[in-house]
Amino acid sequence: MRKKIFALLLCVISVFSLAGCVNVDVKDDNVKVEDFVKSADCDSQAMLSAVIGIVSSFCDEDLKRVHEIRKQCDAIMVGIGTVLADDPRLTVHKIDANPKDNPVRVVVDSKCRTPDGARITNSDAKTIIACANEYKEDFIASERYENFKKKGVKFFWSGDERVDLTSLMSYLHEEGIEKLMLEGGATLNFSMIKAGLIDEIRICVAPMVVGGADSKTFFDGEGFDLMDEAVRLELVDSYSLGNDLILTYKVLKYLNFF
């Protein structure tokens, strides 16, 4: 039986703009997770890599809110696209915090493409990189793998050509992680929600219009072809933060996935 992940997704929208972040609580067989960014006309060119990049230009209060959530989490997870595009630190640094407040950093990197000089491999916090078994043999024979080992980076292997996210969540739970924040990107966001691993979504609506024909969405991947397959949400809370509006949605049961 799979370990269920309780995910909290935080978004920033701007009608406007959308940015999202998901928190995941792992209690017994529960994990909460995710953090991601997007813009309010429902599209935005920058985001989905890191909530910070987008939120910082919107509202300082919301940026601090995101870092408060980081501080409360045991781990932050991103996809390899975010690492390659933004080289994030994934630490708590926009509010008062100690090094011990930094969560474990988790990277979903099926093809083992994480640079050994990436900032998520520094000594600020522990790092776990999740990879697929198809690429394990060649990678562990590489100099890059040895460099990671010297830095204390841990690896988790699952799935054939893509990381098995459900197995990863179970592994993180076994590692003592009870709260996980997912910070995108959009491909990982969709994989997580399709697998039924997101439980809550928080959206920050900012009074801005971004637009762009090629702009990103919250969720990439193949998407759902039919409205009946769409993930249903229930609004459970809302409040103003400066000029922004914070919305909290509960993700309803994934009837079509299991």
Protein backbone atom coordinates (compact mmCIF):
# COMPACT_ATOMS: atom_id res chain seq x y z
CA MET A 1 0.00 0.00 0.00
CA ARG A 2 1.46 3.36 -0.98
CA LYS A 3 2.32 6.08 1.47
CA LYS A 4 -0.11 8.91 0.87
CA ILE A 5 1.39 12.35 0.48
CA PHE A 6 -0.45 15.31 1.85
CA ALA A 7 0.58 18.19 -0.35
CA LEU A 8 -0.09 21.85 0.12
CA LEU A 9 0.28 23.87 -3.07
CA LEU A 10 0.93 27.58 -2.87
CA CYS A 11 0.34 29.71 -5.93
CA VAL A 12 0.69 33.33 -6.92
CA ILE A 13 -1.74 34.67 -9.48
CA SER A 14 -1.93 37.98 -11.04
CA VAL A 15 -5.05 38.79 -12.93
CA PHE A 16 -3.39 38.95 -12.59
CA SER A 17 -0.73 36.45 -11.63
CA LEU A 18 -0.40 32.97 -10.13
CA ALA A 19 2.31 31.52 -7.97
CA GLY A 20 1.93 28.34 -6.07
CA CYS A 21 3.43 26.46 -3.23
CA VAL A 22 2.62 23.07 -1.83
CA ASN A 23 3.37 21.80 1.64
CA VAL A 24 3.36 18.19 2.45
CA ASP A 25 2.87 16.74 5.88
CA VAL A 26 4.04 13.22 6.40
CA LYS A 27 2.28 11.71 9.37
CA ASP A 28 2.50 7.97 9.52
CA ASP A 29 1.50 7.43 5.90
CA ASN A 30 0.92 11.09 5.08
CA VAL A 31 3.21 13.62 3.44
CA LYS A 32 2.39 17.22 2.65
CA VAL A 33 4.24 18.91 -0.18
CA GLU A 34 4.77 21.58 -2.82
CA ASP A 35 5.63 25.10 -3.70
CA PHE A 36 5.31 26.62 -7.13
CA VAL A 37 4.81 29.84 -9.06
CA LYS A 38 2.63 31.12 -11.88
CA SER A 39 0.91 34.26 -13.19
CA ALA A 40 -2.78 35.47 -12.90
CA ASP A 41 -4.04 35.56 -16.34
CA CYS A 42 -3.20 31.93 -15.70
CA ASP A 43 0.03 32.17 -17.62
CA SER A 44 3.40 33.57 -16.76
CA GLN A 45 6.71 33.30 -18.47
CA ALA A 46 9.05 33.24 -15.55
CA MET A 47 7.67 30.93 -13.02
CA LEU A 48 7.24 27.51 -11.79
CA SER A 49 10.91 27.33 -11.08
CA ALA A 50 10.78 28.94 -7.72
CA VAL A 51 8.17 30.75 -5.81
CA ILE A 52 10.66 33.30 -4.67
CA GLY A 53 11.63 34.61 -8.05
CA ILE A 54 8.09 35.59 -8.80
CA VAL A 55 6.75 36.46 -5.45
CA SER A 56 9.57 38.80 -4.60
CA SER A 57 8.51 41.15 -7.38
CA PHE A 58 4.91 41.11 -6.19
CA CYS A 59 4.67 41.47 -2.45
CA ASP A 60 7.35 41.46 0.24
CA GLU A 61 4.84 40.14 2.76
CA ASP A 62 4.12 37.14 0.57
CA LEU A 63 7.80 36.42 0.07
CA LYS A 64 8.20 36.29 3.84
CA ARG A 65 5.12 34.08 4.06
CA VAL A 66 6.73 31.59 1.68
CA HIS A 67 9.93 31.52 3.73
CA GLU A 68 7.92 31.02 6.91
CA ILE A 69 6.45 27.94 5.25
CA ARG A 70 9.95 26.77 4.30
CA LYS A 71 10.99 27.17 7.92
CA GLN A 72 8.10 24.97 9.03
CA CYS A 73 8.93 22.21 6.57
CA ASP A 74 11.33 19.29 6.91
CA ALA A 75 12.17 19.26 3.21
CA ILE A 76 11.76 21.20 -0.04
CA MET A 77 11.47 19.36 -3.37
CA VAL A 78 12.07 20.64 -6.89
CA GLY A 79 12.51 19.13 -10.32
CA ILE A 80 15.78 19.12 -12.27
CA GLY A 81 14.47 21.84 -14.59
CA THR A 82 14.29 24.26 -11.68
CA VAL A 83 17.85 23.42 -10.63
CA LEU A 84 19.23 23.92 -14.13
CA ALA A 85 17.29 27.12 -14.79
CA ASP A 86 17.58 28.90 -11.43
CA ASP A 87 20.34 27.23 -9.42
CA PRO A 88 18.28 27.84 -6.23
CA ARG A 89 19.59 27.65 -2.68
CA LEU A 90 16.32 26.27 -1.26
CA THR A 91 17.11 27.67 2.18
CA VAL A 92 15.34 29.98 4.62
CA HIS A 93 16.96 33.38 4.14
CA LYS A 94 14.25 36.05 3.77
CA ILE A 95 13.28 35.94 7.44
CA ASP A 96 15.15 35.50 10.71
CA ALA A 97 16.39 31.93 10.77
CA ASN A 98 19.23 29.69 11.90
CA PRO A 99 21.07 27.14 9.71
CA LYS A 100 19.14 24.39 11.50
CA ASP A 101 15.92 25.90 10.10
CA ASN A 102 16.95 24.99 6.56
CA PRO A 103 14.94 22.01 5.28
CA VAL A 104 16.41 18.98 3.52
CA ARG A 105 16.66 19.69 -0.21
CA VAL A 106 15.20 17.07 -2.55
CA VAL A 107 15.73 17.07 -6.32
CA VAL A 108 13.75 14.85 -8.71
CA ASP A 109 16.32 14.19 -11.44
CA SER A 110 15.52 11.04 -13.39
CA LYS A 111 18.51 11.30 -15.76
CA CYS A 112 21.12 12.36 -13.18
CA ARG A 113 21.72 15.80 -14.68
CA THR A 114 22.25 17.80 -11.48
CA PRO A 115 25.56 19.75 -11.72
CA ASP A 116 27.96 18.84 -8.93
CA GLY A 117 28.54 22.57 -8.42
CA ALA A 118 24.85 23.43 -8.00
CA ARG A 119 24.04 25.52 -4.93
CA ILE A 120 21.67 22.85 -3.61
CA THR A 121 24.76 20.68 -3.02
CA ASN A 122 26.48 23.13 -0.67
CA SER A 123 26.79 22.66 3.09
CA ASP A 124 23.82 24.87 4.01
CA ALA A 125 21.54 21.82 4.33
CA LYS A 126 21.33 18.12 3.52
CA THR A 127 20.52 17.15 -0.07
CA ILE A 128 18.81 14.10 -1.56
CA ILE A 129 18.73 13.53 -5.33
CA ALA A 130 16.14 11.07 -6.69
CA CYS A 131 17.10 9.34 -9.96
CA ALA A 132 15.78 6.56 -12.19
CA ASN A 133 17.41 3.13 -12.32
CA GLU A 134 17.98 3.32 -16.09
CA TYR A 135 20.82 5.80 -15.54
CA LYS A 136 22.29 4.42 -12.32
CA GLU A 137 25.13 2.23 -13.62
CA ASP A 138 26.79 4.86 -15.79
CA PHE A 139 26.31 7.62 -13.24
CA ILE A 140 27.80 5.87 -10.22
CA ALA A 141 30.89 5.17 -12.31
CA SER A 142 31.35 8.88 -13.05
CA GLU A 143 33.60 11.45 -11.40
CA ARG A 144 30.54 13.62 -10.78
CA TYR A 145 29.05 10.94 -8.55
CA GLU A 146 32.24 10.83 -6.50
CA ASN A 147 32.10 14.61 -6.11
CA PHE A 148 28.56 14.35 -4.80
CA LYS A 149 29.59 11.69 -2.30
CA LYS A 150 32.38 13.92 -0.97
CA LYS A 151 29.76 16.60 -0.32
CA GLY A 152 27.52 14.17 1.54
CA VAL A 153 24.74 14.22 -1.06
CA LYS A 154 22.47 11.17 -0.83
CA PHE A 155 20.80 9.39 -3.76
CA PHE A 156 17.50 7.54 -4.01
CA TRP A 157 16.89 5.23 -6.96
CA SER A 158 13.44 4.15 -8.17
CA GLY A 159 11.47 3.59 -11.37
CA ASP A 160 12.87 2.61 -14.75
CA GLU A 161 13.27 5.72 -16.89
CA ARG A 162 11.44 8.10 -14.52
CA VAL A 163 11.50 8.44 -10.75
CA ASP A 164 8.61 6.69 -9.01
CA LEU A 165 7.20 9.57 -6.96
CA THR A 166 5.12 7.37 -4.67
CA SER A 167 8.20 5.33 -3.76
CA LEU A 168 10.12 8.55 -3.23
CA MET A 169 7.50 9.83 -0.79
CA SER A 170 7.67 6.57 1.16
CA TYR A 171 11.47 6.84 1.29
CA LEU A 172 11.31 10.43 2.54
CA HIS A 173 8.87 9.37 5.22
CA GLU A 174 11.29 6.66 6.32
CA GLU A 175 14.00 9.33 6.46
CA GLY A 176 11.94 11.17 9.05
CA ILE A 177 10.54 13.87 6.77
CA GLU A 178 7.04 14.83 7.89
CA LYS A 179 6.55 18.08 6.01
CA LEU A 180 7.67 18.55 2.42
CA MET A 181 7.35 21.70 0.33
CA LEU A 182 7.31 21.31 -3.43
CA GLU A 183 8.58 24.29 -5.42
CA GLY A 184 7.92 23.09 -8.97
CA GLY A 185 8.46 23.12 -11.77
CA ALA A 186 5.32 22.59 -13.78
CA THR A 187 6.18 19.10 -15.04
CA LEU A 188 6.83 17.83 -11.53
CA ASN A 189 3.71 19.60 -10.29
CA PHE A 190 1.55 17.71 -12.78
CA SER A 191 3.24 14.39 -12.05
CA MET A 192 2.60 14.90 -8.36
CA ILE A 193 -1.05 15.85 -8.70
CA LYS A 194 -1.73 13.08 -11.23
CA ALA A 195 -0.26 10.58 -8.78
CA GLY A 196 -2.62 11.87 -6.10
CA LEU A 197 0.20 13.28 -4.00
CA ILE A 198 -1.08 16.82 -3.48
CA ASP A 199 -3.71 17.52 -0.84
CA GLU A 200 -3.88 21.26 -0.52
CA ILE A 201 -3.25 24.24 -2.80
CA ARG A 202 -2.63 27.81 -1.68
CA ILE A 203 -2.86 30.56 -4.27
CA CYS A 204 -1.70 34.14 -3.99
CA VAL A 205 -3.57 36.39 -6.41
CA ALA A 206 -1.51 39.47 -7.23
CA PRO A 207 -2.88 42.54 -9.08
CA MET A 208 -0.71 42.16 -12.17
CA VAL A 209 -1.07 40.96 -15.76
CA VAL A 210 1.83 39.04 -17.32
CA GLY A 211 0.55 37.26 -20.43
CA GLY A 212 2.67 35.63 -23.13
CA ALA A 213 1.76 33.11 -25.82
CA ASP A 214 4.47 30.72 -24.64
CA SER A 215 4.11 31.37 -20.95
CA LYS A 216 4.14 28.55 -18.42
CA THR A 217 1.20 27.13 -16.53
CA PHE A 218 1.05 25.64 -13.04
CA PHE A 219 0.90 22.15 -14.47
CA ASP A 220 2.58 20.96 -17.65
CA GLY A 221 2.80 17.31 -18.67
CA GLU A 222 0.11 15.70 -20.77
CA GLY A 223 -2.74 17.29 -18.86
CA PHE A 224 -6.25 15.85 -18.72
CA ASP A 225 -8.25 15.44 -21.92
CA LEU A 226 -11.69 15.48 -20.32
CA MET A 227 -13.22 17.79 -17.74
CA ASP A 228 -14.37 14.72 -15.83
CA GLU A 229 -10.69 13.86 -15.32
CA ALA A 230 -9.83 17.29 -13.90
CA VAL A 231 -8.77 17.50 -10.26
CA ARG A 232 -11.54 19.07 -8.17
CA LEU A 233 -10.80 21.64 -5.46
CA GLU A 234 -12.74 23.00 -2.49
CA LEU A 235 -12.11 26.53 -1.18
CA VAL A 236 -11.44 26.33 2.55
CA ASP A 237 -9.90 29.73 3.39
CA SER A 238 -9.20 33.19 1.96
CA TYR A 239 -7.68 36.43 3.24
CA SER A 240 -5.97 39.63 2.05
CA LEU A 241 -2.21 40.14 2.33
CA GLY A 242 -1.27 43.67 1.33
CA ASN A 243 -2.71 44.09 -2.18
CA ASP A 244 -2.76 40.32 -2.73
CA LEU A 245 -5.43 37.71 -2.04
CA ILE A 246 -4.47 34.38 -0.47
CA LEU A 247 -6.72 31.41 -1.30
CA THR A 248 -6.48 27.93 0.21
CA TYR A 249 -8.01 24.95 -1.58
CA LYS A 250 -8.41 21.39 -0.43
CA VAL A 251 -7.77 18.87 -3.20
CA LEU A 252 -10.76 16.56 -3.36
CA LYS A 253 -10.53 12.79 -3.74
CA TYR A 254 -8.75 11.58 -6.87
CA LEU A 255 -11.60 9.40 -8.05
CA ASN A 256 -10.24 8.88 -11.56
CA PHE A 257 -6.65 8.02 -10.64
CA PHE A 258 -6.95 4.87 -8.54
